[in-house]
Amino acid sequence: MGNWEAVAKVVNDRMQDRGITQRELAETSGVSPATLRQIQQGVARQRSRATLAAISRALGLPEDHLREVSLRGRAVQSGPTTAEPALGDLRRELAELRERVERIESRLPGGAAE
């Protein structure tokens, strides 16, 4: 058994917080999009410890986090999960860097502004 609705909530909330799509999570975790979709929908089906650990790691959570959620039926309180920034934050920083590079390049001899 397990509380798959609680697992779904943690996964969906964490994906939203980190700006991660289902496809990105599938690629990062190695879990199929079909399995992720079932987990995100709270489909009651036993999941392997390895599957839950892979998703937990890909979401920047402790390895046993989702397993504990499935057993306890609620989010597990823990300390800082990771120093790794959220994917959404990285995308914003990358966009800012691209803008800065474009401004610098436009000032160089032979740049776009000349």
PDB file of N, CA and C in Angstrom:
ATOM      1  N   MET A   1       0.836  -1.186   0.000  1.00  0.00           N
ATOM      2  CA  MET A   1       0.000   0.000   0.000  1.00  0.00           C
ATOM      3  C   MET A   1       0.874   1.240   0.000  1.00  0.00           C
ATOM      4  N   GLY A   2       0.247   2.358  -0.005  1.00  0.00           N
ATOM      5  CA  GLY A   2       0.953   3.615   0.037  1.00  0.00           C
ATOM      6  C   GLY A   2      -0.021   4.751  -0.172  1.00  0.00           C
ATOM      7  N   ASN A   3       0.391   5.904   0.251  1.00  0.00           N
ATOM      8  CA  ASN A   3      -0.450   7.078   0.053  1.00  0.00           C
ATOM      9  C   ASN A   3       0.044   7.788  -1.196  1.00  0.00           C
ATOM     10  N   TRP A   4      -0.500   7.407  -2.334  1.00  0.00           N
ATOM     11  CA  TRP A   4      -0.023   7.912  -3.612  1.00  0.00           C
ATOM     12  C   TRP A   4      -0.522   9.312  -3.907  1.00  0.00           C
ATOM     13  N   GLU A   5      -1.619   9.716  -3.274  1.00  0.00           N
ATOM     14  CA  GLU A   5      -2.072  11.104  -3.432  1.00  0.00           C
ATOM     15  C   GLU A   5      -1.065  12.067  -2.801  1.00  0.00           C
ATOM     16  N   ALA A   6      -0.519  11.683  -1.651  1.00  0.00           N
ATOM     17  CA  ALA A   6       0.489  12.523  -0.990  1.00  0.00           C
ATOM     18  C   ALA A   6       1.768  12.576  -1.829  1.00  0.00           C
ATOM     19  N   VAL A   7       2.142  11.447  -2.413  1.00  0.00           N
ATOM     20  CA  VAL A   7       3.318  11.409  -3.278  1.00  0.00           C
ATOM     21  C   VAL A   7       3.088  12.310  -4.489  1.00  0.00           C
ATOM     22  N   ALA A   8       1.898  12.224  -5.082  1.00  0.00           N
ATOM     23  CA  ALA A   8       1.568  13.055  -6.245  1.00  0.00           C
ATOM     24  C   ALA A   8       1.685  14.529  -5.899  1.00  0.00           C
ATOM     25  N   LYS A   9       1.187  14.913  -4.731  1.00  0.00           N
ATOM     26  CA  LYS A   9       1.247  16.315  -4.324  1.00  0.00           C
ATOM     27  C   LYS A   9       2.695  16.786  -4.187  1.00  0.00           C
ATOM     28  N   VAL A  10       3.528  15.983  -3.546  1.00  0.00           N
ATOM     29  CA  VAL A  10       4.935  16.358  -3.371  1.00  0.00           C
ATOM     30  C   VAL A  10       5.617  16.485  -4.730  1.00  0.00           C
ATOM     31  N   VAL A  11       5.408  15.510  -5.608  1.00  0.00           N
ATOM     32  CA  VAL A  11       6.055  15.534  -6.927  1.00  0.00           C
ATOM     33  C   VAL A  11       5.586  16.747  -7.722  1.00  0.00           C
ATOM     34  N   ASN A  12       4.282  16.954  -7.795  1.00  0.00           N
ATOM     35  CA  ASN A  12       3.746  18.072  -8.576  1.00  0.00           C
ATOM     36  C   ASN A  12       4.179  19.424  -8.019  1.00  0.00           C
ATOM     37  N   ASP A  13       4.125  19.568  -6.699  1.00  0.00           N
ATOM     38  CA  ASP A  13       4.545  20.828  -6.082  1.00  0.00           C
ATOM     39  C   ASP A  13       6.023  21.100  -6.336  1.00  0.00           C
ATOM     40  N   ARG A  14       6.843  20.067  -6.188  1.00  0.00           N
ATOM     41  CA  ARG A  14       8.290  20.227  -6.366  1.00  0.00           C
ATOM     42  C   ARG A  14       8.628  20.547  -7.827  1.00  0.00           C
ATOM     43  N   MET A  15       7.931  19.890  -8.753  1.00  0.00           N
ATOM     44  CA  MET A  15       8.154  20.172 -10.168  1.00  0.00           C
ATOM     45  C   MET A  15       7.802  21.626 -10.474  1.00  0.00           C
ATOM     46  N   GLN A  16       6.699  22.081  -9.940  1.00  0.00           N
ATOM     47  CA  GLN A  16       6.284  23.463 -10.170  1.00  0.00           C
ATOM     48  C   GLN A  16       7.282  24.436  -9.554  1.00  0.00           C
ATOM     49  N   ASP A  17       7.693  24.171  -8.321  1.00  0.00           N
ATOM     50  CA  ASP A  17       8.651  25.044  -7.636  1.00  0.00           C
ATOM     51  C   ASP A  17       9.968  25.151  -8.396  1.00  0.00           C
ATOM     52  N   ARG A  18      10.394  24.048  -8.991  1.00  0.00           N
ATOM     53  CA  ARG A  18      11.691  24.015  -9.664  1.00  0.00           C
ATOM     54  C   ARG A  18      11.601  24.287 -11.160  1.00  0.00           C
ATOM     55  N   GLY A  19      10.395  24.463 -11.662  1.00  0.00           N
ATOM     56  CA  GLY A  19      10.222  24.738 -13.086  1.00  0.00           C
ATOM     57  C   GLY A  19      10.599  23.568 -13.967  1.00  0.00           C
ATOM     58  N   ILE A  20      10.285  22.363 -13.530  1.00  0.00           N
ATOM     59  CA  ILE A  20      10.655  21.152 -14.251  1.00  0.00           C
ATOM     60  C   ILE A  20       9.425  20.581 -14.960  1.00  0.00           C
ATOM     61  N   THR A  21       9.583  20.241 -16.220  1.00  0.00           N
ATOM     62  CA  THR A  21       8.495  19.595 -16.950  1.00  0.00           C
ATOM     63  C   THR A  21       8.542  18.090 -16.713  1.00  0.00           C
ATOM     64  N   GLN A  22       7.457  17.429 -17.084  1.00  0.00           N
ATOM     65  CA  GLN A  22       7.406  15.975 -16.950  1.00  0.00           C
ATOM     66  C   GLN A  22       8.498  15.325 -17.806  1.00  0.00           C
ATOM     67  N   ARG A  23       8.696  15.850 -18.973  1.00  0.00           N
ATOM     68  CA  ARG A  23       9.724  15.306 -19.871  1.00  0.00           C
ATOM     69  C   ARG A  23      11.119  15.450 -19.255  1.00  0.00           C
ATOM     70  N   GLU A  24      11.409  16.621 -18.681  1.00  0.00           N
ATOM     71  CA  GLU A  24      12.712  16.847 -18.047  1.00  0.00           C
ATOM     72  C   GLU A  24      12.907  15.915 -16.858  1.00  0.00           C
ATOM     73  N   LEU A  25      11.845  15.735 -16.070  1.00  0.00           N
ATOM     74  CA  LEU A  25      11.945  14.836 -14.924  1.00  0.00           C
ATOM     75  C   LEU A  25      12.161  13.402 -15.383  1.00  0.00           C
ATOM     76  N   ALA A  26      11.487  13.007 -16.455  1.00  0.00           N
ATOM     77  CA  ALA A  26      11.671  11.654 -16.990  1.00  0.00           C
ATOM     78  C   ALA A  26      13.113  11.448 -17.428  1.00  0.00           C
ATOM     79  N   GLU A  27      13.665  12.430 -18.144  1.00  0.00           N
ATOM     80  CA  GLU A  27      15.044  12.312 -18.618  1.00  0.00           C
ATOM     81  C   GLU A  27      16.038  12.278 -17.467  1.00  0.00           C
ATOM     82  N   THR A  28      15.822  13.148 -16.484  1.00  0.00           N
ATOM     83  CA  THR A  28      16.752  13.237 -15.356  1.00  0.00           C
ATOM     84  C   THR A  28      16.687  12.006 -14.460  1.00  0.00           C
ATOM     85  N   SER A  29      15.475  11.501 -14.233  1.00  0.00           N
ATOM     86  CA  SER A  29      15.298  10.382 -13.307  1.00  0.00           C
ATOM     87  C   SER A  29      15.460   9.017 -13.965  1.00  0.00           C
ATOM     88  N   GLY A  30      15.260   8.959 -15.285  1.00  0.00           N
ATOM     89  CA  GLY A  30      15.289   7.667 -15.953  1.00  0.00           C
ATOM     90  C   GLY A  30      13.980   6.906 -15.816  1.00  0.00           C
ATOM     91  N   VAL A  31      12.940   7.574 -15.337  1.00  0.00           N
ATOM     92  CA  VAL A  31      11.624   6.960 -15.172  1.00  0.00           C
ATOM     93  C   VAL A  31      10.780   7.356 -16.380  1.00  0.00           C
ATOM     94  N   SER A  32      10.015   6.415 -16.907  1.00  0.00           N
ATOM     95  CA  SER A  32       9.241   6.693 -18.119  1.00  0.00           C
ATOM     96  C   SER A  32       8.183   7.767 -17.878  1.00  0.00           C
ATOM     97  N   PRO A  33       7.871   8.554 -18.916  1.00  0.00           N
ATOM     98  CA  PRO A  33       6.811   9.556 -18.784  1.00  0.00           C
ATOM     99  C   PRO A  33       5.468   8.939 -18.371  1.00  0.00           C
ATOM    100  N   ALA A  34       5.175   7.729 -18.844  1.00  0.00           N
ATOM    101  CA  ALA A  34       3.912   7.071 -18.473  1.00  0.00           C
ATOM    102  C   ALA A  34       3.857   6.790 -16.975  1.00  0.00           C
ATOM    103  N   THR A  35       4.961   6.308 -16.413  1.00  0.00           N
ATOM    104  CA  THR A  35       5.011   6.046 -14.971  1.00  0.00           C
ATOM    105  C   THR A  35       4.922   7.352 -14.196  1.00  0.00           C
ATOM    106  N   LEU A  36       5.631   8.379 -14.653  1.00  0.00           N
ATOM    107  CA  LEU A  36       5.561   9.681 -13.982  1.00  0.00           C
ATOM    108  C   LEU A  36       4.145  10.235 -14.007  1.00  0.00           C
ATOM    109  N   ARG A  37       3.474  10.093 -15.141  1.00  0.00           N
ATOM    110  CA  ARG A  37       2.102  10.586 -15.263  1.00  0.00           C
ATOM    111  C   ARG A  37       1.205   9.901 -14.223  1.00  0.00           C
ATOM    112  N   GLN A  38       1.353   8.587 -14.071  1.00  0.00           N
ATOM    113  CA  GLN A  38       0.569   7.854 -13.071  1.00  0.00           C
ATOM    114  C   GLN A  38       0.883   8.338 -11.662  1.00  0.00           C
ATOM    115  N   ILE A  39       2.158   8.553 -11.389  1.00  0.00           N
ATOM    116  CA  ILE A  39       2.560   9.028 -10.062  1.00  0.00           C
ATOM    117  C   ILE A  39       1.989  10.418  -9.825  1.00  0.00           C
ATOM    118  N   GLN A  40       2.072  11.298 -10.826  1.00  0.00           N
ATOM    119  CA  GLN A  40       1.548  12.660 -10.689  1.00  0.00           C
ATOM    120  C   GLN A  40       0.043  12.677 -10.493  1.00  0.00           C
ATOM    121  N   GLN A  41      -0.641  11.671 -11.004  1.00  0.00           N
ATOM    122  CA  GLN A  41      -2.096  11.588 -10.856  1.00  0.00           C
ATOM    123  C   GLN A  41      -2.509  10.836  -9.595  1.00  0.00           C
ATOM    124  N   GLY A  42      -1.539  10.306  -8.845  1.00  0.00           N
ATOM    125  CA  GLY A  42      -1.844   9.604  -7.606  1.00  0.00           C
ATOM    126  C   GLY A  42      -2.424   8.215  -7.810  1.00  0.00           C
ATOM    127  N   VAL A  43      -2.134   7.611  -8.971  1.00  0.00           N
ATOM    128  CA  VAL A  43      -2.638   6.268  -9.267  1.00  0.00           C
ATOM    129  C   VAL A  43      -2.077   5.293  -8.234  1.00  0.00           C
ATOM    130  N   ALA A  44      -2.980   4.548  -7.599  1.00  0.00           N
ATOM    131  CA  ALA A  44      -2.593   3.607  -6.545  1.00  0.00           C
ATOM    132  C   ALA A  44      -1.978   2.363  -7.177  1.00  0.00           C
ATOM    133  N   ARG A  45      -0.676   2.330  -7.181  1.00  0.00           N
ATOM    134  CA  ARG A  45       0.073   1.201  -7.707  1.00  0.00           C
ATOM    135  C   ARG A  45       1.410   1.178  -6.988  1.00  0.00           C
ATOM    136  N   GLN A  46       1.787   0.039  -6.507  1.00  0.00           N
ATOM    137  CA  GLN A  46       3.047  -0.079  -5.785  1.00  0.00           C
ATOM    138  C   GLN A  46       4.214   0.299  -6.691  1.00  0.00           C
ATOM    139  N   ARG A  47       5.110   1.122  -6.191  1.00  0.00           N
ATOM    140  CA  ARG A  47       6.296   1.553  -6.929  1.00  0.00           C
ATOM    141  C   ARG A  47       7.532   1.006  -6.246  1.00  0.00           C
ATOM    142  N   SER A  48       8.533   0.712  -7.040  1.00  0.00           N
ATOM    143  CA  SER A  48       9.763   0.190  -6.458  1.00  0.00           C
ATOM    144  C   SER A  48      10.502   1.299  -5.715  1.00  0.00           C
ATOM    145  N   ARG A  49      11.287   0.874  -4.781  1.00  0.00           N
ATOM    146  CA  ARG A  49      12.110   1.818  -4.021  1.00  0.00           C
ATOM    147  C   ARG A  49      13.062   2.561  -4.959  1.00  0.00           C
ATOM    148  N   ALA A  50      13.589   1.845  -5.965  1.00  0.00           N
ATOM    149  CA  ALA A  50      14.517   2.459  -6.920  1.00  0.00           C
ATOM    150  C   ALA A  50      13.831   3.552  -7.738  1.00  0.00           C
ATOM    151  N   THR A  51      12.594   3.324  -8.140  1.00  0.00           N
ATOM    152  CA  THR A  51      11.847   4.328  -8.909  1.00  0.00           C
ATOM    153  C   THR A  51      11.630   5.573  -8.074  1.00  0.00           C
ATOM    154  N   LEU A  52      11.171   5.392  -6.841  1.00  0.00           N
ATOM    155  CA  LEU A  52      10.920   6.539  -5.959  1.00  0.00           C
ATOM    156  C   LEU A  52      12.223   7.273  -5.631  1.00  0.00           C
ATOM    157  N   ALA A  53      13.305   6.524  -5.456  1.00  0.00           N
ATOM    158  CA  ALA A  53      14.597   7.149  -5.154  1.00  0.00           C
ATOM    159  C   ALA A  53      15.089   7.968  -6.347  1.00  0.00           C
ATOM    160  N   ALA A  54      14.919   7.442  -7.563  1.00  0.00           N
ATOM    161  CA  ALA A  54      15.367   8.162  -8.763  1.00  0.00           C
ATOM    162  C   ALA A  54      14.605   9.474  -8.930  1.00  0.00           C
ATOM    163  N   ILE A  55      13.306   9.436  -8.680  1.00  0.00           N
ATOM    164  CA  ILE A  55      12.499  10.655  -8.792  1.00  0.00           C
ATOM    165  C   ILE A  55      12.881  11.631  -7.686  1.00  0.00           C
ATOM    166  N   SER A  56      13.057  11.136  -6.483  1.00  0.00           N
ATOM    167  CA  SER A  56      13.466  11.994  -5.364  1.00  0.00           C
ATOM    168  C   SER A  56      14.765  12.722  -5.680  1.00  0.00           C
ATOM    169  N   ARG A  57      15.756  11.972  -6.152  1.00  0.00           N
ATOM    170  CA  ARG A  57      17.053  12.581  -6.484  1.00  0.00           C
ATOM    171  C   ARG A  57      16.906  13.622  -7.587  1.00  0.00           C
ATOM    172  N   ALA A  58      16.128  13.296  -8.609  1.00  0.00           N
ATOM    173  CA  ALA A  58      15.949  14.220  -9.734  1.00  0.00           C
ATOM    174  C   ALA A  58      15.249  15.504  -9.297  1.00  0.00           C
ATOM    175  N   LEU A  59      14.459  15.420  -8.243  1.00  0.00           N
ATOM    176  CA  LEU A  59      13.764  16.598  -7.717  1.00  0.00           C
ATOM    177  C   LEU A  59      14.589  17.324  -6.656  1.00  0.00           C
ATOM    178  N   GLY A  60      15.805  16.828  -6.387  1.00  0.00           N
ATOM    179  CA  GLY A  60      16.663  17.462  -5.395  1.00  0.00           C
ATOM    180  C   GLY A  60      16.247  17.163  -3.971  1.00  0.00           C
ATOM    181  N   LEU A  61      15.576  16.039  -3.782  1.00  0.00           N
ATOM    182  CA  LEU A  61      15.132  15.617  -2.451  1.00  0.00           C
ATOM    183  C   LEU A  61      16.023  14.482  -1.956  1.00  0.00           C
ATOM    184  N   PRO A  62      16.022  14.234  -0.645  1.00  0.00           N
ATOM    185  CA  PRO A  62      16.762  13.068  -0.144  1.00  0.00           C
ATOM    186  C   PRO A  62      16.234  11.792  -0.817  1.00  0.00           C
ATOM    187  N   GLU A  63      17.102  10.839  -1.007  1.00  0.00           N
ATOM    188  CA  GLU A  63      16.776   9.629  -1.763  1.00  0.00           C
ATOM    189  C   GLU A  63      15.512   8.907  -1.293  1.00  0.00           C
ATOM    190  N   ASP A  64      15.287   8.802  -0.006  1.00  0.00           N
ATOM    191  CA  ASP A  64      14.119   8.071   0.509  1.00  0.00           C
ATOM    192  C   ASP A  64      12.908   8.962   0.759  1.00  0.00           C
ATOM    193  N   HIS A  65      12.948  10.196   0.318  1.00  0.00           N
ATOM    194  CA  HIS A  65      11.876  11.147   0.621  1.00  0.00           C
ATOM    195  C   HIS A  65      10.502  10.665   0.130  1.00  0.00           C
ATOM    196  N   LEU A  66      10.393  10.339  -1.145  1.00  0.00           N
ATOM    197  CA  LEU A  66       9.088   9.924  -1.676  1.00  0.00           C
ATOM    198  C   LEU A  66       8.626   8.593  -1.090  1.00  0.00           C
ATOM    199  N   ARG A  67       9.546   7.718  -0.800  1.00  0.00           N
ATOM    200  CA  ARG A  67       9.175   6.452  -0.153  1.00  0.00           C
ATOM    201  C   ARG A  67       8.575   6.721   1.220  1.00  0.00           C
ATOM    202  N   GLU A  68       9.215   7.619   1.968  1.00  0.00           N
ATOM    203  CA  GLU A  68       8.689   7.987   3.289  1.00  0.00           C
ATOM    204  C   GLU A  68       7.316   8.644   3.179  1.00  0.00           C
ATOM    205  N   VAL A  69       7.139   9.492   2.173  1.00  0.00           N
ATOM    206  CA  VAL A  69       5.836  10.129   1.955  1.00  0.00           C
ATOM    207  C   VAL A  69       4.790   9.059   1.679  1.00  0.00           C
ATOM    208  N   SER A  70       5.131   8.067   0.859  1.00  0.00           N
ATOM    209  CA  SER A  70       4.165   7.010   0.540  1.00  0.00           C
ATOM    210  C   SER A  70       3.792   6.204   1.769  1.00  0.00           C
ATOM    211  N   LEU A  71       4.722   6.032   2.678  1.00  0.00           N
ATOM    212  CA  LEU A  71       4.455   5.259   3.891  1.00  0.00           C
ATOM    213  C   LEU A  71       3.709   6.064   4.956  1.00  0.00           C
ATOM    214  N   ARG A  72       4.071   7.324   5.097  1.00  0.00           N
ATOM    215  CA  ARG A  72       3.494   8.161   6.137  1.00  0.00           C
ATOM    216  C   ARG A  72       2.252   8.921   5.686  1.00  0.00           C
ATOM    217  N   GLY A  73       2.113   9.107   4.381  1.00  0.00           N
ATOM    218  CA  GLY A  73       0.953   9.811   3.867  1.00  0.00           C
ATOM    219  C   GLY A  73       1.050  11.320   3.962  1.00  0.00           C
ATOM    220  N   ARG A  74       2.235  11.817   4.223  1.00  0.00           N
ATOM    221  CA  ARG A  74       2.416  13.270   4.267  1.00  0.00           C
ATOM    222  C   ARG A  74       3.868  13.581   3.959  1.00  0.00           C
ATOM    223  N   ALA A  75       4.101  14.847   3.608  1.00  0.00           N
ATOM    224  CA  ALA A  75       5.463  15.265   3.296  1.00  0.00           C
ATOM    225  C   ALA A  75       6.355  15.090   4.508  1.00  0.00           C
ATOM    226  N   VAL A  76       7.560  14.688   4.266  1.00  0.00           N
ATOM    227  CA  VAL A  76       8.544  14.480   5.316  1.00  0.00           C
ATOM    228  C   VAL A  76       9.292  15.782   5.529  1.00  0.00           C
ATOM    229  N   GLN A  77       9.385  16.202   6.774  1.00  0.00           N
ATOM    230  CA  GLN A  77      10.137  17.415   7.084  1.00  0.00           C
ATOM    231  C   GLN A  77      11.608  17.057   7.155  1.00  0.00           C
ATOM    232  N   SER A  78      12.394  17.865   6.492  1.00  0.00           N
ATOM    233  CA  SER A  78      13.833  17.640   6.534  1.00  0.00           C
ATOM    234  C   SER A  78      14.536  18.968   6.392  1.00  0.00           C
ATOM    235  N   GLY A  79      15.827  18.934   6.553  1.00  0.00           N
ATOM    236  CA  GLY A  79      16.635  20.131   6.417  1.00  0.00           C
ATOM    237  C   GLY A  79      16.769  20.504   4.963  1.00  0.00           C
ATOM    238  N   PRO A  80      17.710  21.371   4.650  1.00  0.00           N
ATOM    239  CA  PRO A  80      17.917  21.760   3.258  1.00  0.00           C
ATOM    240  C   PRO A  80      18.136  20.521   2.401  1.00  0.00           C
ATOM    241  N   THR A  81      17.488  20.496   1.247  1.00  0.00           N
ATOM    242  CA  THR A  81      17.535  19.302   0.415  1.00  0.00           C
ATOM    243  C   THR A  81      18.758  19.266  -0.474  1.00  0.00           C
ATOM    244  N   THR A  82      19.155  20.415  -0.984  1.00  0.00           N
ATOM    245  CA  THR A  82      20.300  20.420  -1.872  1.00  0.00           C
ATOM    246  C   THR A  82      20.743  21.852  -2.110  1.00  0.00           C
ATOM    247  N   ALA A  83      21.980  22.017  -2.453  1.00  0.00           N
ATOM    248  CA  ALA A  83      22.478  23.353  -2.777  1.00  0.00           C
ATOM    249  C   ALA A  83      22.227  23.664  -4.251  1.00  0.00           C
ATOM    250  N   GLU A  84      21.756  22.682  -4.973  1.00  0.00           N
ATOM    251  CA  GLU A  84      21.511  22.828  -6.399  1.00  0.00           C
ATOM    252  C   GLU A  84      20.343  23.785  -6.649  1.00  0.00           C
ATOM    253  N   PRO A  85      20.551  24.802  -7.494  1.00  0.00           N
ATOM    254  CA  PRO A  85      19.472  25.751  -7.754  1.00  0.00           C
ATOM    255  C   PRO A  85      18.366  25.114  -8.592  1.00  0.00           C
ATOM    256  N   ALA A  86      17.181  25.663  -8.495  1.00  0.00           N
ATOM    257  CA  ALA A  86      16.048  25.173  -9.264  1.00  0.00           C
ATOM    258  C   ALA A  86      16.274  25.414 -10.748  1.00  0.00           C
ATOM    259  N   LEU A  87      15.731  24.557 -11.567  1.00  0.00           N
ATOM    260  CA  LEU A  87      15.885  24.675 -13.008  1.00  0.00           C
ATOM    261  C   LEU A  87      15.344  26.007 -13.515  1.00  0.00           C
ATOM    262  N   GLY A  88      14.242  26.458 -12.973  1.00  0.00           N
ATOM    263  CA  GLY A  88      13.681  27.752 -13.367  1.00  0.00           C
ATOM    264  C   GLY A  88      14.650  28.888 -13.094  1.00  0.00           C
ATOM    265  N   ASP A  89      15.334  28.829 -11.946  1.00  0.00           N
ATOM    266  CA  ASP A  89      16.328  29.844 -11.618  1.00  0.00           C
ATOM    267  C   ASP A  89      17.480  29.825 -12.625  1.00  0.00           C
ATOM    268  N   LEU A  90      17.919  28.635 -12.983  1.00  0.00           N
ATOM    269  CA  LEU A  90      19.010  28.515 -13.955  1.00  0.00           C
ATOM    270  C   LEU A  90      18.607  29.076 -15.315  1.00  0.00           C
ATOM    271  N   ARG A  91      17.370  28.829 -15.711  1.00  0.00           N
ATOM    272  CA  ARG A  91      16.900  29.360 -16.997  1.00  0.00           C
ATOM    273  C   ARG A  91      16.889  30.889 -16.992  1.00  0.00           C
ATOM    274  N   ARG A  92      16.434  31.486 -15.899  1.00  0.00           N
ATOM    275  CA  ARG A  92      16.423  32.954 -15.792  1.00  0.00           C
ATOM    276  C   ARG A  92      17.839  33.505 -15.850  1.00  0.00           C
ATOM    277  N   GLU A  93      18.748  32.882 -15.110  1.00  0.00           N
ATOM    278  CA  GLU A  93      20.138  33.335 -15.119  1.00  0.00           C
ATOM    279  C   GLU A  93      20.753  33.217 -16.511  1.00  0.00           C
ATOM    280  N   LEU A  94      20.455  32.136 -17.206  1.00  0.00           N
ATOM    281  CA  LEU A  94      20.969  31.949 -18.557  1.00  0.00           C
ATOM    282  C   LEU A  94      20.441  33.029 -19.497  1.00  0.00           C
ATOM    283  N   ALA A  95      19.165  33.356 -19.401  1.00  0.00           N
ATOM    284  CA  ALA A  95      18.592  34.409 -20.241  1.00  0.00           C
ATOM    285  C   ALA A  95      19.259  35.749 -19.955  1.00  0.00           C
ATOM    286  N   GLU A  96      19.500  36.045 -18.682  1.00  0.00           N
ATOM    287  CA  GLU A  96      20.179  37.292 -18.317  1.00  0.00           C
ATOM    288  C   GLU A  96      21.602  37.327 -18.874  1.00  0.00           C
ATOM    289  N   LEU A  97      22.297  36.198 -18.779  1.00  0.00           N
ATOM    290  CA  LEU A  97      23.660  36.136 -19.311  1.00  0.00           C
ATOM    291  C   LEU A  97      23.683  36.335 -20.820  1.00  0.00           C
ATOM    292  N   ARG A  98      22.720  35.741 -21.509  1.00  0.00           N
ATOM    293  CA  ARG A  98      22.656  35.914 -22.959  1.00  0.00           C
ATOM    294  C   ARG A  98      22.455  37.383 -23.323  1.00  0.00           C
ATOM    295  N   GLU A  99      21.584  38.063 -22.585  1.00  0.00           N
ATOM    296  CA  GLU A  99      21.355  39.488 -22.839  1.00  0.00           C
ATOM    297  C   GLU A  99      22.624  40.296 -22.609  1.00  0.00           C
ATOM    298  N   ARG A 100      23.348  39.983 -21.532  1.00  0.00           N
ATOM    299  CA  ARG A 100      24.592  40.698 -21.245  1.00  0.00           C
ATOM    300  C   ARG A 100      25.627  40.470 -22.339  1.00  0.00           C
ATOM    301  N   VAL A 101      25.756  39.232 -22.804  1.00  0.00           N
ATOM    302  CA  VAL A 101      26.711  38.918 -23.867  1.00  0.00           C
ATOM    303  C   VAL A 101      26.337  39.665 -25.134  1.00  0.00           C
ATOM    304  N   GLU A 102      25.055  39.711 -25.463  1.00  0.00           N
ATOM    305  CA  GLU A 102      24.619  40.437 -26.658  1.00  0.00           C
ATOM    306  C   GLU A 102      24.956  41.930 -26.557  1.00  0.00           C
ATOM    307  N   ARG A 103      24.762  42.517 -25.378  1.00  0.00           N
ATOM    308  CA  ARG A 103      25.103  43.938 -25.196  1.00  0.00           C
ATOM    309  C   ARG A 103      26.604  44.158 -25.351  1.00  0.00           C
ATOM    310  N   ILE A 104      27.393  43.276 -24.785  1.00  0.00           N
ATOM    311  CA  ILE A 104      28.854  43.407 -24.883  1.00  0.00           C
ATOM    312  C   ILE A 104      29.297  43.228 -26.330  1.00  0.00           C
ATOM    313  N   GLU A 105      28.769  42.215 -26.994  1.00  0.00           N
ATOM    314  CA  GLU A 105      29.139  41.966 -28.387  1.00  0.00           C
ATOM    315  C   GLU A 105      28.766  43.129 -29.283  1.00  0.00           C
ATOM    316  N   SER A 106      27.667  43.798 -28.983  1.00  0.00           N
ATOM    317  CA  SER A 106      27.239  44.931 -29.827  1.00  0.00           C
ATOM    318  C   SER A 106      28.200  46.110 -29.716  1.00  0.00           C
ATOM    319  N   ARG A 107      29.001  46.163 -28.652  1.00  0.00           N
ATOM    320  CA  ARG A 107      29.956  47.258 -28.474  1.00  0.00           C
ATOM    321  C   ARG A 107      31.323  46.940 -29.051  1.00  0.00           C
ATOM    322  N   LEU A 108      31.563  45.696 -29.434  1.00  0.00           N
ATOM    323  CA  LEU A 108      32.857  45.291 -29.981  1.00  0.00           C
ATOM    324  C   LEU A 108      32.983  45.732 -31.436  1.00  0.00           C
ATOM    325  N   PRO A 109      34.222  45.999 -31.884  1.00  0.00           N
ATOM    326  CA  PRO A 109      34.416  46.331 -33.308  1.00  0.00           C
ATOM    327  C   PRO A 109      33.861  45.193 -34.164  1.00  0.00           C
ATOM    328  N   GLY A 110      33.070  45.535 -35.139  1.00  0.00           N
ATOM    329  CA  GLY A 110      32.465  44.527 -36.001  1.00  0.00           C
ATOM    330  C   GLY A 110      31.225  43.906 -35.387  1.00  0.00           C
ATOM    331  N   GLY A 111      30.777  44.466 -34.246  1.00  0.00           N
ATOM    332  CA  GLY A 111      29.581  43.948 -33.572  1.00  0.00           C
ATOM    333  C   GLY A 111      28.320  44.310 -34.306  1.00  0.00           C
ATOM    334  N   ALA A 112      27.207  43.851 -33.842  1.00  0.00           N
ATOM    335  CA  ALA A 112      25.920  44.041 -34.510  1.00  0.00           C
ATOM    336  C   ALA A 112      25.519  45.519 -34.591  1.00  0.00           C
ATOM    337  N   ALA A 113      26.007  46.376 -33.673  1.00  0.00           N
ATOM    338  CA  ALA A 113      25.594  47.780 -33.636  1.00  0.00           C
ATOM    339  C   ALA A 113      26.291  48.596 -34.705  1.00  0.00           C
ATOM    340  N   GLU A 114      27.357  48.098 -35.270  1.00  0.00           N
ATOM    341  CA  GLU A 114      28.116  48.892 -36.268  1.00  0.00           C
ATOM    342  C   GLU A 114      27.672  48.580 -37.661  1.00  0.00           C
TER     343      GLU A 114
END
